[in-house]
Protein backbone atom coordinates (compact mmCIF):
# COMPACT_ATOMS: atom_id res chain seq x y z
CA MET A 1 19.85 -35.72 -51.43
CA PRO A 2 18.59 -33.50 -48.57
CA ASN A 3 20.55 -31.36 -46.21
CA TRP A 4 20.57 -33.04 -42.80
CA CYS A 5 19.72 -30.96 -39.76
CA VAL A 6 20.99 -32.20 -36.41
CA GLN A 7 19.23 -30.84 -33.34
CA ASN A 8 20.96 -31.46 -30.00
CA TRP A 9 18.50 -31.60 -27.11
CA ILE A 10 18.40 -31.31 -23.32
CA LEU A 11 15.24 -32.18 -21.40
CA LYS A 12 15.41 -31.40 -17.68
CA GLY A 13 12.83 -31.51 -14.93
CA PRO A 14 10.82 -33.86 -12.71
CA LYS A 15 12.59 -37.21 -12.72
CA ASP A 16 9.34 -39.14 -13.31
CA ASP A 17 8.71 -37.17 -16.51
CA VAL A 18 12.24 -37.72 -17.78
CA GLN A 19 11.94 -41.42 -16.97
CA ARG A 20 8.62 -41.60 -18.84
CA PHE A 21 10.25 -39.99 -21.88
CA CYS A 22 13.13 -42.48 -21.81
CA ASP A 23 10.86 -45.49 -21.28
CA THR A 24 8.70 -44.50 -24.23
CA VAL A 25 11.67 -43.99 -26.54
CA ASN A 26 13.13 -47.35 -25.50
CA THR A 27 9.97 -49.22 -26.54
CA CYS A 28 10.97 -48.54 -30.14
CA LEU A 29 13.87 -50.95 -29.74
CA THR A 30 11.59 -53.93 -29.05
CA GLN A 31 8.41 -53.13 -30.98
CA PRO A 32 7.90 -53.89 -34.70
CA ASP A 33 8.57 -51.00 -37.06
CA VAL A 34 5.51 -49.03 -38.12
CA LEU A 35 6.72 -49.36 -41.73
CA PRO A 36 9.88 -50.64 -43.41
CA ASN A 37 12.34 -47.74 -43.33
CA ASP A 38 15.99 -46.78 -43.80
CA PHE A 39 16.37 -45.07 -40.42
CA GLY A 40 16.35 -48.06 -38.07
CA LYS A 41 14.46 -48.70 -34.83
CA TYR A 42 14.82 -45.08 -33.77
CA TRP A 43 13.03 -43.80 -36.89
CA LEU A 44 10.83 -40.86 -35.95
CA GLY A 45 7.83 -42.70 -37.42
CA ASN A 46 8.31 -45.36 -34.75
CA LEU A 47 8.58 -42.68 -32.06
CA CYS A 48 5.41 -41.05 -33.39
CA VAL A 49 3.37 -44.17 -32.66
CA ALA A 50 5.22 -44.90 -29.40
CA PHE A 51 4.18 -41.50 -28.04
CA GLY A 52 0.53 -42.14 -28.89
CA TYR A 53 0.10 -40.42 -32.25
CA GLU A 54 -1.40 -41.94 -35.38
CA TYR A 55 1.19 -42.35 -38.11
CA SER A 56 0.49 -40.54 -41.37
CA GLU A 57 2.71 -40.10 -44.40
CA SER A 58 1.52 -36.49 -44.53
CA THR A 59 2.92 -35.68 -41.07
CA TYR A 60 5.88 -33.35 -41.51
CA GLY A 61 8.79 -34.11 -39.26
CA LEU A 62 9.22 -37.88 -39.48
CA ARG A 63 12.02 -38.11 -42.06
CA GLY A 64 14.83 -38.78 -39.66
CA ASN A 65 15.76 -40.44 -36.41
CA PHE A 66 16.31 -40.12 -32.68
CA ASP A 67 19.93 -40.48 -31.55
CA PRO A 68 21.11 -41.31 -27.99
CA ASN A 69 24.27 -39.29 -28.72
CA GLY A 70 23.62 -35.81 -27.36
CA ASP A 71 26.65 -34.41 -29.20
CA GLN A 72 25.87 -35.67 -32.70
CA ILE A 73 27.01 -33.33 -35.50
CA ALA A 74 25.49 -32.68 -38.90
CA THR A 75 27.14 -34.50 -41.80
CA LEU A 76 26.53 -35.03 -45.51
CA CYS A 77 24.74 -38.29 -44.74
CA CYS A 78 22.14 -38.94 -42.08
CA PRO A 79 24.09 -40.12 -39.01
CA VAL A 80 23.31 -43.71 -38.01
CA PRO A 81 22.57 -43.80 -34.27
CA ASP A 82 23.59 -46.52 -31.87
CA GLU A 83 20.39 -48.43 -31.10
CA THR A 84 21.00 -48.52 -27.36
CA PRO A 85 18.51 -47.68 -24.59
CA VAL A 86 18.50 -44.22 -23.08
CA ALA A 87 18.32 -43.43 -19.36
CA PRO A 88 17.92 -40.30 -17.23
CA THR A 89 20.89 -38.63 -15.60
CA PRO A 90 20.08 -37.60 -12.01
CA VAL A 91 20.53 -33.92 -11.16
CA ASP A 92 19.22 -34.03 -7.58
CA ASP A 93 16.63 -36.01 -5.60
CA ASP A 94 13.71 -34.64 -7.63
CA THR A 95 15.28 -33.65 -10.96
CA ALA A 96 16.84 -35.50 -13.87
CA GLU A 97 17.85 -34.74 -17.43
CA ILE A 98 18.33 -36.53 -20.73
CA ARG A 99 20.57 -35.39 -23.59
CA PHE A 100 20.10 -36.69 -27.12
CA SER A 101 19.95 -35.58 -30.75
CA VAL A 102 17.36 -35.65 -33.52
CA THR A 103 18.39 -35.75 -37.17
CA HIS A 104 15.86 -34.63 -39.77
CA ALA A 105 15.93 -33.88 -43.50
CA HIS A 106 16.24 -30.21 -44.50
CA GLY A 107 15.38 -28.74 -41.11
CA ARG A 108 14.08 -29.38 -37.62
CA SER A 109 11.35 -31.93 -36.97
CA ASP A 110 8.13 -29.96 -36.37
CA TRP A 111 6.43 -33.10 -35.09
CA PHE A 112 9.06 -33.86 -32.45
CA GLU A 113 9.11 -30.31 -31.08
CA LYS A 114 5.30 -30.21 -30.80
CA MET A 115 5.22 -33.65 -29.21
CA VAL A 116 7.65 -32.65 -26.47
CA ASP A 117 5.68 -29.50 -25.68
CA GLU A 118 2.39 -31.43 -25.61
CA LYS A 119 3.48 -34.51 -23.69
CA PHE A 120 6.05 -33.00 -21.31
CA PRO A 121 4.92 -29.47 -20.37
CA ASP A 122 6.78 -29.59 -17.03
CA LEU A 123 10.19 -30.22 -18.58
CA LYS A 124 12.60 -27.43 -19.38
CA VAL A 125 13.49 -27.73 -23.06
CA ALA A 126 16.76 -26.65 -24.65
CA TRP A 127 18.06 -27.39 -28.12
CA LYS A 128 20.44 -26.11 -30.79
CA ALA A 129 20.26 -26.94 -34.49
CA THR A 130 22.29 -26.57 -37.66
CA ASP A 131 22.86 -28.46 -40.90
CA GLU A 132 26.02 -29.81 -42.49
CA PHE A 133 26.64 -26.55 -44.38
CA GLY A 134 25.88 -24.21 -41.49
CA ASN A 135 22.99 -22.63 -43.39
CA PHE A 136 21.29 -21.81 -40.09
CA HIS A 137 22.16 -21.79 -36.40
CA THR A 138 18.99 -21.81 -34.33
CA CYS A 139 18.50 -22.47 -30.64
CA ARG A 140 16.00 -22.52 -27.79
CA ASN A 141 17.37 -21.74 -24.33
CA GLY A 142 20.85 -21.88 -25.80
CA GLU A 143 22.40 -20.88 -22.48
CA ALA A 144 21.91 -24.51 -21.37
CA PHE A 145 24.65 -25.39 -23.89
CA GLY A 146 26.79 -22.41 -22.94
CA LEU A 147 26.07 -20.75 -26.29
CA LYS A 148 26.88 -17.12 -26.89
CA ARG A 149 25.45 -15.08 -29.76
CA PHE A 150 28.45 -15.29 -32.10
CA GLU A 151 31.06 -17.95 -32.77
CA ALA A 152 34.28 -17.65 -34.75
CA GLU A 153 36.49 -20.54 -35.82
CA THR A 154 39.79 -19.55 -37.41
CA TRP A 155 42.65 -21.54 -38.88
CA GLY A 156 46.32 -20.86 -39.48
CA ASP A 157 49.15 -19.87 -37.16
CA ASN A 158 46.82 -17.53 -35.27
CA GLY A 159 43.77 -19.78 -35.38
CA GLU A 160 41.46 -20.53 -32.46
CA ASP A 161 37.81 -20.96 -31.51
CA ARG A 162 36.16 -17.99 -29.83
CA ASP A 163 32.63 -16.94 -28.92
CA PHE A 164 31.18 -13.53 -28.13
CA ASP A 165 28.16 -11.99 -26.43
CA ASN A 166 27.96 -8.96 -28.70
CA ALA A 167 28.75 -7.79 -32.22
CA PHE A 168 31.33 -5.21 -31.08
CA ASP A 169 33.59 -7.84 -29.53
CA ALA A 170 33.11 -10.18 -32.49
CA ALA A 171 34.01 -7.46 -35.01
CA ALA A 172 37.06 -6.48 -32.97
CA TYR A 173 38.29 -10.09 -32.98
CA LEU A 174 37.75 -10.51 -36.73
CA ASN A 175 39.61 -7.29 -37.42
CA GLU A 176 42.47 -8.29 -35.13
CA PHE A 177 42.75 -11.69 -36.81
CA THR A 178 42.72 -10.35 -40.37
CA SER A 179 45.15 -7.52 -39.62
CA LYS A 180 47.83 -10.00 -38.52
CA THR A 181 48.37 -11.12 -42.11
CA ASP A 182 46.64 -8.42 -44.19
CA ALA A 183 46.71 -4.95 -42.65
CA ASP A 184 44.91 -3.45 -45.63
CA PHE A 185 41.88 -5.77 -45.48
CA ASP A 186 38.61 -3.85 -45.21
CA LYS A 187 37.48 -3.85 -41.58
CA PHE A 188 34.32 -5.54 -40.35
CA THR A 189 31.85 -3.25 -38.61
CA PRO A 190 29.67 -4.27 -35.65
CA GLU A 191 26.61 -3.45 -37.75
CA GLU A 192 27.67 -5.93 -40.44
CA VAL A 193 28.33 -8.61 -37.83
CA GLU A 194 24.97 -8.00 -36.15
CA LEU A 195 22.89 -7.97 -39.32
CA GLN A 196 24.82 -10.72 -41.11
CA ASP A 197 23.80 -8.94 -44.32
CA GLN A 198 25.23 -9.43 -47.79
CA SER A 199 28.08 -6.99 -47.16
CA PHE A 200 29.24 -9.11 -44.25
CA TRP A 201 29.19 -12.37 -46.21
CA ASN A 202 30.82 -10.73 -49.25
CA LYS A 203 33.66 -9.53 -47.05
CA LEU A 204 34.03 -12.88 -45.24
CA ASN A 205 33.92 -14.88 -48.49
CA ASP A 206 36.48 -12.56 -50.07
CA TRP A 207 38.83 -13.14 -47.15
CA ASN A 208 38.42 -16.93 -47.30
CA GLU A 209 38.99 -17.04 -51.05
CA ARG A 210 42.26 -15.11 -50.72
CA HIS A 211 43.59 -16.69 -47.52
CA ASP A 212 43.43 -20.48 -47.75
CA ASP A 213 45.67 -20.93 -44.72
CA ASP A 214 43.81 -18.45 -42.50
CA TYR A 215 40.22 -19.47 -43.10
CA ILE A 216 37.47 -17.90 -40.96
CA GLY A 217 34.26 -19.71 -40.07
CA PHE A 218 31.60 -17.58 -38.40
CA CYS A 219 28.04 -18.00 -37.18
CA LYS A 220 25.34 -16.19 -35.23
CA TRP A 221 22.94 -18.16 -33.04
CA GLU A 222 19.32 -17.08 -33.55
CA ALA A 223 16.67 -17.78 -30.93
CA ALA A 224 13.68 -19.76 -32.23
């Protein structure tokens, strides 16, 4: 069974271009499937043909689906999207945007990313992607989602969600959190946080193994 990558998208720009994107996606709901599949009408193989490409089993990036839910999250199974039409959201008289997600096996859909760049060069593209195990956290124009470079999610009496622009602030927060229940725990350094090297993960895993009630989740967003 593959890992499932969910990529949350924002397309923003000329309203005619956003409308054209939505209209093309929506044709998949009424047209016959290109092939029998387990992904439904929003299978990426159907989108491939809808956007004017020739379907081929050798095309990497079609093992997944489009999802009208812009906030979909990665899970152990491929999320099943609602098969409802999508529509632009007006920004001003000339500009609109559309938010949606794309789920794909193992990693991002190369085909979908290339298609958007080829067919919609005037749209501003933003996306963020991860899988159900958090093996990667990759983004393009992540500021559109309000992303900062580092995110910490902690549990327990002192738990909270925090994000940070730099490794110094992130390390300071981790050290403050751990010192509240274990003053002798080896401190995180900004260099370890920045590099995310083996010493960082060894230290974080050691903490989580010994502190079930004060678990720390941590990630660094990397620009694609």
